[in-house]
């Protein structure tokens, strides 16, 4: 049993989508422009550093420029506004090209500590662990 996890009921229909924190061929949107139909927005992606297990996040500079200037402060404010509408916002870490490595207990502890710090700083409701490269589940207790 995992202690400290909140639980509750979910609505019968629950729409989830990824918000991309990078420039790609899709339309760039501020988090505040995500359509109201989405109940949970997964912010893609928290990034690795050279230290195994460490995760960092910030509004991508290329995306910020494409949006005419979008700051971390505006992003945090957008999360708070989505919360006021009853929406959930989580941080997705990893992805197809993600380089986050969790191969031992020390990296797992750093992963947990840095993800929790990002949740606290930005107001994320949780984390989507999408580690497709370099995850040893033994250490993800």
C-alpha atoms as a PDB file:
ATOM      1  CA  UNK A   1       0.000   0.000   0.000  1.00  0.00           C
ATOM      2  CA  UNK A   2       1.253   3.456  -0.901  1.00  0.00           C
ATOM      3  CA  UNK A   3       0.703   6.017   1.822  1.00  0.00           C
ATOM      4  CA  UNK A   4      -0.008   9.658   1.141  1.00  0.00           C
ATOM      5  CA  UNK A   5      -1.685   9.232  -2.244  1.00  0.00           C
ATOM      6  CA  UNK A   6      -4.977  10.996  -2.655  1.00  0.00           C
ATOM      7  CA  UNK A   7      -7.816   9.037  -4.138  1.00  0.00           C
ATOM      8  CA  UNK A   8     -11.244   9.967  -5.272  1.00  0.00           C
ATOM      9  CA  UNK A   9     -13.840   9.294  -7.861  1.00  0.00           C
ATOM     10  CA  UNK A  10     -13.350  10.236 -11.471  1.00  0.00           C
ATOM     11  CA  UNK A  11     -16.151  11.372 -13.718  1.00  0.00           C
ATOM     12  CA  UNK A  12     -17.691   8.803 -16.032  1.00  0.00           C
ATOM     13  CA  UNK A  13     -16.067  10.485 -19.033  1.00  0.00           C
ATOM     14  CA  UNK A  14     -12.603  11.922 -18.563  1.00  0.00           C
ATOM     15  CA  UNK A  15     -10.595  13.421 -21.446  1.00  0.00           C
ATOM     16  CA  UNK A  16      -6.814  13.566 -21.203  1.00  0.00           C
ATOM     17  CA  UNK A  17      -4.391  15.174 -23.605  1.00  0.00           C
ATOM     18  CA  UNK A  18      -0.748  16.195 -23.851  1.00  0.00           C
ATOM     19  CA  UNK A  19       0.318  19.846 -23.978  1.00  0.00           C
ATOM     20  CA  UNK A  20       3.646  20.097 -25.752  1.00  0.00           C
ATOM     21  CA  UNK A  21       6.384  22.242 -24.231  1.00  0.00           C
ATOM     22  CA  UNK A  22       8.279  22.484 -27.507  1.00  0.00           C
ATOM     23  CA  UNK A  23       7.817  23.738 -31.048  1.00  0.00           C
ATOM     24  CA  UNK A  24       6.547  21.168 -33.529  1.00  0.00           C
ATOM     25  CA  UNK A  25       4.216  21.152 -36.567  1.00  0.00           C
ATOM     26  CA  UNK A  26       1.145  21.320 -34.289  1.00  0.00           C
ATOM     27  CA  UNK A  27      -0.285  24.671 -33.269  1.00  0.00           C
ATOM     28  CA  UNK A  28       1.567  26.154 -30.303  1.00  0.00           C
ATOM     29  CA  UNK A  29      -0.750  27.011 -27.409  1.00  0.00           C
ATOM     30  CA  UNK A  30      -0.391  28.610 -24.039  1.00  0.00           C
ATOM     31  CA  UNK A  31      -1.646  26.266 -21.360  1.00  0.00           C
ATOM     32  CA  UNK A  32      -4.578  28.643 -20.850  1.00  0.00           C
ATOM     33  CA  UNK A  33      -5.688  27.990 -24.460  1.00  0.00           C
ATOM     34  CA  UNK A  34      -6.221  24.245 -23.991  1.00  0.00           C
ATOM     35  CA  UNK A  35      -9.858  23.533 -24.921  1.00  0.00           C
ATOM     36  CA  UNK A  36     -12.267  23.234 -21.988  1.00  0.00           C
ATOM     37  CA  UNK A  37     -13.197  19.676 -23.006  1.00  0.00           C
ATOM     38  CA  UNK A  38      -9.944  18.402 -21.474  1.00  0.00           C
ATOM     39  CA  UNK A  39     -10.197  17.282 -17.872  1.00  0.00           C
ATOM     40  CA  UNK A  40      -6.541  16.393 -17.400  1.00  0.00           C
ATOM     41  CA  UNK A  41      -3.614  17.989 -19.207  1.00  0.00           C
ATOM     42  CA  UNK A  42      -0.273  16.172 -19.236  1.00  0.00           C
ATOM     43  CA  UNK A  43       2.559  18.648 -19.743  1.00  0.00           C
ATOM     44  CA  UNK A  44       5.221  17.090 -21.965  1.00  0.00           C
ATOM     45  CA  UNK A  45       7.961  16.854 -20.832  1.00  0.00           C
ATOM     46  CA  UNK A  46      10.089  17.091 -17.719  1.00  0.00           C
ATOM     47  CA  UNK A  47      13.687  16.731 -18.904  1.00  0.00           C
ATOM     48  CA  UNK A  48      16.814  14.900 -17.751  1.00  0.00           C
ATOM     49  CA  UNK A  49      20.075  16.475 -16.699  1.00  0.00           C
ATOM     50  CA  UNK A  50      23.511  14.852 -16.712  1.00  0.00           C
ATOM     51  CA  UNK A  51      22.795  13.545 -13.206  1.00  0.00           C
ATOM     52  CA  UNK A  52      20.972  10.178 -13.319  1.00  0.00           C
ATOM     53  CA  UNK A  53      17.396  10.499 -12.048  1.00  0.00           C
ATOM     54  CA  UNK A  54      17.278  14.287 -11.942  1.00  0.00           C
ATOM     55  CA  UNK A  55      14.284  15.944 -13.640  1.00  0.00           C
ATOM     56  CA  UNK A  56      14.002  19.639 -14.527  1.00  0.00           C
ATOM     57  CA  UNK A  57      11.276  21.710 -16.147  1.00  0.00           C
ATOM     58  CA  UNK A  58      10.801  25.188 -17.513  1.00  0.00           C
ATOM     59  CA  UNK A  59       8.901  26.717 -20.411  1.00  0.00           C
ATOM     60  CA  UNK A  60      10.914  25.899 -23.517  1.00  0.00           C
ATOM     61  CA  UNK A  61      12.615  29.066 -24.877  1.00  0.00           C
ATOM     62  CA  UNK A  62      11.615  28.236 -28.476  1.00  0.00           C
ATOM     63  CA  UNK A  63       7.993  27.773 -27.460  1.00  0.00           C
ATOM     64  CA  UNK A  64       8.083  30.952 -25.376  1.00  0.00           C
ATOM     65  CA  UNK A  65       9.268  32.879 -28.439  1.00  0.00           C
ATOM     66  CA  UNK A  66       6.694  31.232 -30.743  1.00  0.00           C
ATOM     67  CA  UNK A  67       3.964  32.328 -28.319  1.00  0.00           C
ATOM     68  CA  UNK A  68       5.167  35.931 -28.278  1.00  0.00           C
ATOM     69  CA  UNK A  69       6.741  35.582 -24.850  1.00  0.00           C
ATOM     70  CA  UNK A  70       5.450  32.975 -22.416  1.00  0.00           C
ATOM     71  CA  UNK A  71       7.120  32.867 -19.026  1.00  0.00           C
ATOM     72  CA  UNK A  72       7.273  30.331 -16.233  1.00  0.00           C
ATOM     73  CA  UNK A  73       5.238  32.775 -14.126  1.00  0.00           C
ATOM     74  CA  UNK A  74       2.484  32.892 -16.778  1.00  0.00           C
ATOM     75  CA  UNK A  75       2.595  29.098 -17.067  1.00  0.00           C
ATOM     76  CA  UNK A  76       2.162  28.730 -13.280  1.00  0.00           C
ATOM     77  CA  UNK A  77      -0.716  31.203 -13.379  1.00  0.00           C
ATOM     78  CA  UNK A  78      -2.319  29.153 -16.157  1.00  0.00           C
ATOM     79  CA  UNK A  79      -2.082  26.013 -14.008  1.00  0.00           C
ATOM     80  CA  UNK A  80      -3.816  27.851 -11.147  1.00  0.00           C
ATOM     81  CA  UNK A  81      -6.549  29.051 -13.534  1.00  0.00           C
ATOM     82  CA  UNK A  82      -7.080  25.489 -14.816  1.00  0.00           C
ATOM     83  CA  UNK A  83      -7.336  24.263 -11.215  1.00  0.00           C
ATOM     84  CA  UNK A  84     -10.016  26.913 -10.584  1.00  0.00           C
ATOM     85  CA  UNK A  85     -11.989  25.340 -13.452  1.00  0.00           C
ATOM     86  CA  UNK A  86     -11.674  21.894 -11.841  1.00  0.00           C
ATOM     87  CA  UNK A  87      -9.002  20.669 -14.266  1.00  0.00           C
ATOM     88  CA  UNK A  88      -5.950  18.578 -13.375  1.00  0.00           C
ATOM     89  CA  UNK A  89      -2.470  19.291 -14.726  1.00  0.00           C
ATOM     90  CA  UNK A  90       0.301  16.722 -14.434  1.00  0.00           C
ATOM     91  CA  UNK A  91       3.936  16.670 -15.504  1.00  0.00           C
ATOM     92  CA  UNK A  92       4.883  13.953 -17.963  1.00  0.00           C
ATOM     93  CA  UNK A  93       8.509  12.860 -17.731  1.00  0.00           C
ATOM     94  CA  UNK A  94      10.433  10.952 -20.348  1.00  0.00           C
ATOM     95  CA  UNK A  95       8.731  10.137 -23.617  1.00  0.00           C
ATOM     96  CA  UNK A  96      10.174   8.479 -26.706  1.00  0.00           C
ATOM     97  CA  UNK A  97      13.271  10.665 -26.766  1.00  0.00           C
ATOM     98  CA  UNK A  98      13.508  11.186 -23.003  1.00  0.00           C
ATOM     99  CA  UNK A  99      16.904  10.521 -21.505  1.00  0.00           C
ATOM    100  CA  UNK A 100      15.942  10.204 -17.822  1.00  0.00           C
ATOM    101  CA  UNK A 101      17.815   7.276 -16.304  1.00  0.00           C
ATOM    102  CA  UNK A 102      16.713   5.502 -13.124  1.00  0.00           C
ATOM    103  CA  UNK A 103      18.947   2.474 -12.707  1.00  0.00           C
ATOM    104  CA  UNK A 104      19.736   2.473  -8.988  1.00  0.00           C
ATOM    105  CA  UNK A 105      18.381   3.564  -5.634  1.00  0.00           C
ATOM    106  CA  UNK A 106      20.234   6.873  -5.633  1.00  0.00           C
ATOM    107  CA  UNK A 107      18.820   7.858  -9.024  1.00  0.00           C
ATOM    108  CA  UNK A 108      15.334   6.781  -7.920  1.00  0.00           C
ATOM    109  CA  UNK A 109      15.549   8.981  -4.816  1.00  0.00           C
ATOM    110  CA  UNK A 110      16.751  11.955  -6.874  1.00  0.00           C
ATOM    111  CA  UNK A 111      13.959  11.316  -9.388  1.00  0.00           C
ATOM    112  CA  UNK A 112      11.351  11.371  -6.598  1.00  0.00           C
ATOM    113  CA  UNK A 113      12.845  14.456  -4.947  1.00  0.00           C
ATOM    114  CA  UNK A 114      13.140  16.524  -8.132  1.00  0.00           C
ATOM    115  CA  UNK A 115       9.704  15.558  -9.475  1.00  0.00           C
ATOM    116  CA  UNK A 116       8.117  16.400  -6.119  1.00  0.00           C
ATOM    117  CA  UNK A 117       9.935  19.761  -6.076  1.00  0.00           C
ATOM    118  CA  UNK A 118       8.573  20.549  -9.559  1.00  0.00           C
ATOM    119  CA  UNK A 119       5.069  19.543  -8.471  1.00  0.00           C
ATOM    120  CA  UNK A 120       5.365  21.904  -5.513  1.00  0.00           C
ATOM    121  CA  UNK A 121       6.884  24.789  -7.485  1.00  0.00           C
ATOM    122  CA  UNK A 122       4.518  24.715 -10.463  1.00  0.00           C
ATOM    123  CA  UNK A 123       1.374  23.271  -8.877  1.00  0.00           C
ATOM    124  CA  UNK A 124       1.286  20.033 -10.854  1.00  0.00           C
ATOM    125  CA  UNK A 125      -1.286  17.543  -9.545  1.00  0.00           C
ATOM    126  CA  UNK A 126       0.892  14.527 -10.242  1.00  0.00           C
ATOM    127  CA  UNK A 127       3.305  12.917 -12.631  1.00  0.00           C
ATOM    128  CA  UNK A 128       2.973  10.736 -15.719  1.00  0.00           C
ATOM    129  CA  UNK A 129       6.005   8.441 -15.743  1.00  0.00           C
ATOM    130  CA  UNK A 130       6.725   7.694 -19.389  1.00  0.00           C
ATOM    131  CA  UNK A 131      10.275   6.387 -19.129  1.00  0.00           C
ATOM    132  CA  UNK A 132      10.782   4.364 -22.287  1.00  0.00           C
ATOM    133  CA  UNK A 133      14.568   4.366 -22.022  1.00  0.00           C
ATOM    134  CA  UNK A 134      16.570   3.499 -18.929  1.00  0.00           C
ATOM    135  CA  UNK A 135      14.041   2.589 -16.241  1.00  0.00           C
ATOM    136  CA  UNK A 136      14.748  -0.226 -13.835  1.00  0.00           C
ATOM    137  CA  UNK A 137      11.391  -0.743 -12.043  1.00  0.00           C
ATOM    138  CA  UNK A 138      13.146  -2.414  -9.123  1.00  0.00           C
ATOM    139  CA  UNK A 139      14.003   1.031  -7.774  1.00  0.00           C
ATOM    140  CA  UNK A 140      10.640   2.721  -8.392  1.00  0.00           C
ATOM    141  CA  UNK A 141       8.947   1.702  -5.120  1.00  0.00           C
END
